[in-house]
C-alpha atoms as a PDB file:
ATOM      1  CA  MET A   1     -90.816  21.421-151.020  1.00  0.00           C
ATOM      2  CA  ALA A   2     -88.044  19.031-150.027  1.00  0.00           C
ATOM      3  CA  ARG A   3     -87.110  18.047-153.570  1.00  0.00           C
ATOM      4  CA  SER A   4     -87.017  21.584-154.953  1.00  0.00           C
ATOM      5  CA  PHE A   5     -85.023  22.753-151.940  1.00  0.00           C
ATOM      6  CA  MET A   6     -82.513  19.957-152.385  1.00  0.00           C
ATOM      7  CA  VAL A   7     -82.141  20.607-156.111  1.00  0.00           C
ATOM      8  CA  ARG A   8     -81.698  24.342-155.583  1.00  0.00           C
ATOM      9  CA  SER A   9     -79.322  23.936-152.673  1.00  0.00           C
ATOM     10  CA  LEU A  10     -76.864  21.551-154.364  1.00  0.00           C
ATOM     11  CA  PRO A  11     -74.921  24.275-156.227  1.00  0.00           C
ATOM     12  CA  LEU A  12     -74.749  26.344-153.039  1.00  0.00           C
ATOM     13  CA  LEU A  13     -73.488  23.343-151.101  1.00  0.00           C
ATOM     14  CA  ALA A  14     -70.827  22.834-153.764  1.00  0.00           C
ATOM     15  CA  VAL A  15     -69.734  26.465-153.358  1.00  0.00           C
ATOM     16  CA  LEU A  16     -69.669  26.004-149.588  1.00  0.00           C
ATOM     17  CA  VAL A  17     -67.457  22.936-149.949  1.00  0.00           C
ATOM     18  CA  ALA A  18     -65.196  24.790-152.386  1.00  0.00           C
ATOM     19  CA  GLY A  19     -64.757  27.557-149.828  1.00  0.00           C
ATOM     20  CA  ALA A  20     -63.939  24.995-147.163  1.00  0.00           C
ATOM     21  CA  VAL A  21     -61.361  23.418-149.465  1.00  0.00           C
ATOM     22  CA  VAL A  22     -59.770  26.824-150.057  1.00  0.00           C
ATOM     23  CA  LEU A  23     -59.623  27.304-146.297  1.00  0.00           C
ATOM     24  CA  GLY A  24     -58.116  23.862-145.823  1.00  0.00           C
ATOM     25  CA  VAL A  25     -55.406  24.012-148.460  1.00  0.00           C
ATOM     26  CA  GLY A  26     -54.744  27.734-148.283  1.00  0.00           C
ATOM     27  CA  GLY A  27     -51.864  27.324-145.913  1.00  0.00           C
ATOM     28  CA  GLY A  28     -53.009  30.016-143.528  1.00  0.00           C
ATOM     29  CA  LYS A  29     -52.154  32.889-145.852  1.00  0.00           C
ATOM     30  CA  THR A  30     -54.215  36.014-145.319  1.00  0.00           C
ATOM     31  CA  VAL A  31     -55.509  36.171-148.896  1.00  0.00           C
ATOM     32  CA  THR A  32     -56.631  32.547-149.030  1.00  0.00           C
ATOM     33  CA  LEU A  33     -58.254  32.828-145.604  1.00  0.00           C
ATOM     34  CA  ALA A  34     -60.159  35.920-146.698  1.00  0.00           C
ATOM     35  CA  ILE A  35     -61.307  34.293-149.940  1.00  0.00           C
ATOM     36  CA  GLY A  36     -62.251  31.047-148.215  1.00  0.00           C
ATOM     37  CA  PHE A  37     -64.205  32.738-145.426  1.00  0.00           C
ATOM     38  CA  GLY A  38     -65.885  35.043-147.933  1.00  0.00           C
ATOM     39  CA  VAL A  39     -67.011  32.179-150.147  1.00  0.00           C
ATOM     40  CA  VAL A  40     -68.236  30.139-147.177  1.00  0.00           C
ATOM     41  CA  ALA A  41     -70.084  33.141-145.729  1.00  0.00           C
ATOM     42  CA  VAL A  42     -71.825  34.020-149.003  1.00  0.00           C
ATOM     43  CA  ALA A  43     -72.838  30.396-149.584  1.00  0.00           C
ATOM     44  CA  ALA A  44     -74.171  30.095-146.025  1.00  0.00           C
ATOM     45  CA  VAL A  45     -76.229  33.290-146.338  1.00  0.00           C
ATOM     46  CA  LEU A  46     -77.657  32.137-149.663  1.00  0.00           C
ATOM     47  CA  LEU A  47     -78.541  28.728-148.210  1.00  0.00           C
ATOM     48  CA  VAL A  48     -80.385  30.317-145.283  1.00  0.00           C
ATOM     49  CA  SER A  49     -82.145  32.702-147.668  1.00  0.00           C
ATOM     50  CA  LEU A  50     -83.187  29.790-149.878  1.00  0.00           C
ATOM     51  CA  PHE A  51     -84.544  27.952-146.849  1.00  0.00           C
ATOM     52  CA  PHE A  52     -86.707  30.909-145.801  1.00  0.00           C
ATOM     53  CA  TYR A  53     -87.856  31.386-149.410  1.00  0.00           C
ATOM     54  CA  GLU A  54     -88.985  27.763-149.601  1.00  0.00           C
ATOM     55  CA  VAL A  55     -90.807  28.043-146.257  1.00  0.00           C
ATOM     56  CA  GLY A  56     -92.599  31.166-147.507  1.00  0.00           C
ATOM     57  CA  ARG A  57     -93.592  29.444-150.747  1.00  0.00           C
ATOM     58  CA  SER A  58     -95.030  26.477-148.865  1.00  0.00           C
ATOM     59  CA  GLU A  59     -97.030  28.824-146.628  1.00  0.00           C
ATOM     60  CA  ASP A  60     -98.355  30.644-149.700  1.00  0.00           C
ATOM     61  CA  ARG A  61     -99.422  27.335-151.256  1.00  0.00           C
ATOM     62  CA  ALA A  62    -101.152  26.299-148.027  1.00  0.00           C
ATOM     63  CA  ARG A  63    -103.036  29.623-147.860  1.00  0.00           C
ATOM     64  CA  ALA A  64    -104.080  29.305-151.507  1.00  0.00           C
ATOM     65  CA  GLN A  65    -105.379  25.789-150.896  1.00  0.00           C
ATOM     66  CA  GLU A  66    -107.273  26.986-147.841  1.00  0.00           C
ATOM     67  CA  ARG A  67    -108.864  29.851-149.798  1.00  0.00           C
ATOM     68  CA  GLU A  68    -109.826  27.431-152.574  1.00  0.00           C
ATOM     69  CA  ARG A  69    -111.356  25.034-150.056  1.00  0.00           C
ATOM     70  CA  ASP A  70    -113.257  27.862-148.355  1.00  0.00           C
ATOM     71  CA  SER A  71    -114.577  29.211-151.656  1.00  0.00           C
ATOM     72  CA  ARG A  72    -115.900  25.760-152.596  1.00  0.00           C
ATOM     73  CA  ALA A  73    -117.478  25.238-149.179  1.00  0.00           C
ATOM     74  CA  THR A  74    -119.275  28.594-149.099  1.00  0.00           C
ATOM     75  CA  PRO A  75    -122.616  28.414-150.917  1.00  0.00           C
ATOM     76  CA  LYS A  76    -123.106  31.155-153.458  1.00  0.00           C
ATOM     77  CA  ALA A  77    -126.257  33.206-153.162  1.00  0.00           C
END
């Protein structure tokens, strides 16, 4: 899980940093602040969504392994 999360999150982290750079060099103008905050907000939401997606996938894999283990342990009549 950790490797796939890291690989998938790198582009989103780059977008987050780009938004922070826009905020930093924007000079306090309304348009650059709006763009910077928008980019940072979208990247943050996508990162949180990716995190929950990865947690759900790991839970699905654990349940599948448990079902497989239970089906092998149960003798067939």
